[in-house]
Amino acid sequence: MDPHKLPPEVWEALCRRCGKCCAEKVDLDGTIYITKKMCRFLDTKTRQCTVYADRYRAEPDCLATMEGLPMMVFPADCPYTKGITAYEPPVEEWDDPAVDEAIRELLGDDAV
């Protein structure tokens, strides 16, 4: 699937509205982790961005899908990553106290 060949509304329709892309990510020694800390603009009940039309101004760290794909920050089950060879999704689950502590130091207790 080549997103450059799809109309924007078709590309947007691929989104499952899981909200995982709105979670803070942490790079620890080259490994990306998806934390439990969500963007302040994510409505956790609807899994929708409350400032979607203005998200890049409201949250400068918000990435467009075309920016996030090469950075490999979208989860393995994200429809946007399907068909991308060599895509290595971030880690969503781990059992490593050292990772927990590193994330906690960077983002606070609510991130782990």
Protein backbone atom coordinates (compact mmCIF):
# COMPACT_ATOMS: atom_id res chain seq x y z
CA MET A 1 0.00 0.00 0.00
CA ASP A 2 1.47 3.31 -1.06
CA PRO A 3 -0.05 6.10 1.03
CA HIS A 4 1.05 8.66 -1.52
CA LYS A 5 -1.41 7.14 -4.00
CA LEU A 6 -4.38 7.18 -1.65
CA PRO A 7 -6.76 10.11 -1.19
CA PRO A 8 -6.39 11.60 2.32
CA GLU A 9 -9.87 10.46 3.37
CA VAL A 10 -9.05 6.85 2.43
CA TRP A 11 -5.73 7.01 4.30
CA GLU A 12 -7.48 8.45 7.38
CA ALA A 13 -10.16 5.74 7.20
CA LEU A 14 -7.50 3.07 7.83
CA CYS A 15 -7.18 4.22 11.43
CA ARG A 16 -8.87 1.90 13.96
CA ARG A 17 -9.03 4.65 16.60
CA CYS A 18 -7.13 2.55 19.16
CA GLY A 19 -5.32 5.59 20.57
CA LYS A 20 -1.96 3.83 20.84
CA CYS A 21 -0.31 6.42 18.60
CA CYS A 22 -1.23 8.98 21.26
CA ALA A 23 0.82 7.23 23.93
CA GLU A 24 4.18 8.68 24.89
CA LYS A 25 7.05 6.73 23.41
CA VAL A 26 10.49 6.38 24.93
CA ASP A 27 13.71 5.41 23.16
CA LEU A 28 15.95 3.45 25.50
CA ASP A 29 19.22 2.44 23.89
CA GLY A 30 17.66 2.23 20.43
CA THR A 31 14.53 0.35 21.49
CA ILE A 32 11.23 2.24 21.33
CA TYR A 33 8.71 1.55 24.10
CA ILE A 34 5.04 2.55 24.05
CA THR A 35 4.24 3.76 27.56
CA LYS A 36 0.93 4.03 29.38
CA LYS A 37 1.12 7.83 29.48
CA MET A 38 -1.33 9.22 26.96
CA CYS A 39 -1.43 12.60 25.27
CA ARG A 40 -3.41 15.11 27.28
CA PHE A 41 -5.69 15.68 24.28
CA LEU A 42 -6.77 12.05 23.91
CA ASP A 43 -10.30 11.37 25.13
CA THR A 44 -9.69 7.99 26.74
CA LYS A 45 -13.35 6.98 26.47
CA THR A 46 -13.80 7.63 22.75
CA ARG A 47 -10.10 7.17 21.85
CA GLN A 48 -10.42 10.36 19.79
CA CYS A 49 -8.20 13.42 19.77
CA THR A 50 -10.07 16.37 21.24
CA VAL A 51 -8.08 18.85 19.13
CA TYR A 52 -7.68 16.75 15.98
CA ALA A 53 -8.01 19.55 13.43
CA ASP A 54 -5.45 21.64 15.30
CA ARG A 55 -3.34 18.83 16.83
CA TYR A 56 0.05 19.82 15.42
CA ARG A 57 -0.22 23.32 16.86
CA ALA A 58 -1.73 22.19 20.16
CA GLU A 59 0.85 19.43 20.64
CA PRO A 60 4.11 20.05 18.75
CA ASP A 61 5.27 16.47 19.46
CA CYS A 62 2.26 15.02 17.61
CA LEU A 63 3.44 13.16 14.53
CA ALA A 64 1.66 12.77 11.23
CA THR A 65 1.54 9.14 10.12
CA MET A 66 4.05 9.79 7.36
CA GLU A 67 6.48 11.17 9.97
CA GLY A 68 5.91 8.37 12.46
CA LEU A 69 6.20 5.44 10.06
CA PRO A 70 9.93 5.81 9.34
CA MET A 71 10.50 6.36 13.07
CA MET A 72 8.70 3.05 13.75
CA VAL A 73 6.54 4.43 16.54
CA PHE A 74 3.23 2.80 15.60
CA PRO A 75 2.20 -0.53 17.15
CA ALA A 76 2.47 -3.82 15.27
CA ASP A 77 -1.29 -4.05 14.78
CA CYS A 78 -1.60 -0.55 13.30
CA PRO A 79 -3.13 -0.70 9.81
CA TYR A 80 -0.70 1.97 8.62
CA THR A 81 2.23 -0.40 9.14
CA LYS A 82 0.80 -3.30 7.11
CA GLY A 83 2.91 -4.24 4.14
CA ILE A 84 5.94 -2.23 5.21
CA THR A 85 8.87 -4.59 4.97
CA ALA A 86 11.37 -4.47 7.80
CA TYR A 87 8.97 -2.46 10.00
CA GLU A 88 9.94 -3.05 13.62
CA PRO A 89 7.17 -1.92 15.93
CA PRO A 90 7.82 -0.50 19.37
CA VAL A 91 7.69 -2.70 22.44
CA GLU A 92 4.26 -2.60 24.08
CA GLU A 93 4.74 -5.13 26.87
CA TRP A 94 7.83 -5.93 28.88
CA ASP A 95 8.81 -7.53 32.15
CA ASP A 96 11.94 -5.60 33.01
CA PRO A 97 12.18 -3.49 36.16
CA ALA A 98 15.09 -1.54 34.65
CA VAL A 99 12.89 -0.43 31.75
CA ASP A 100 10.11 0.50 34.18
CA GLU A 101 12.52 2.59 36.22
CA ALA A 102 13.98 4.36 33.18
CA ILE A 103 10.51 5.23 31.87
CA ARG A 104 9.37 6.31 35.34
CA GLU A 105 12.38 8.65 35.61
CA LEU A 106 11.61 10.21 32.23
CA LEU A 107 7.80 10.45 32.34
CA GLY A 108 6.61 9.77 35.87
CA ASP A 109 4.79 6.96 37.63
CA ASP A 110 1.73 7.04 35.36
CA ALA A 111 3.82 6.01 32.34
CA VAL A 112 4.42 2.42 33.50
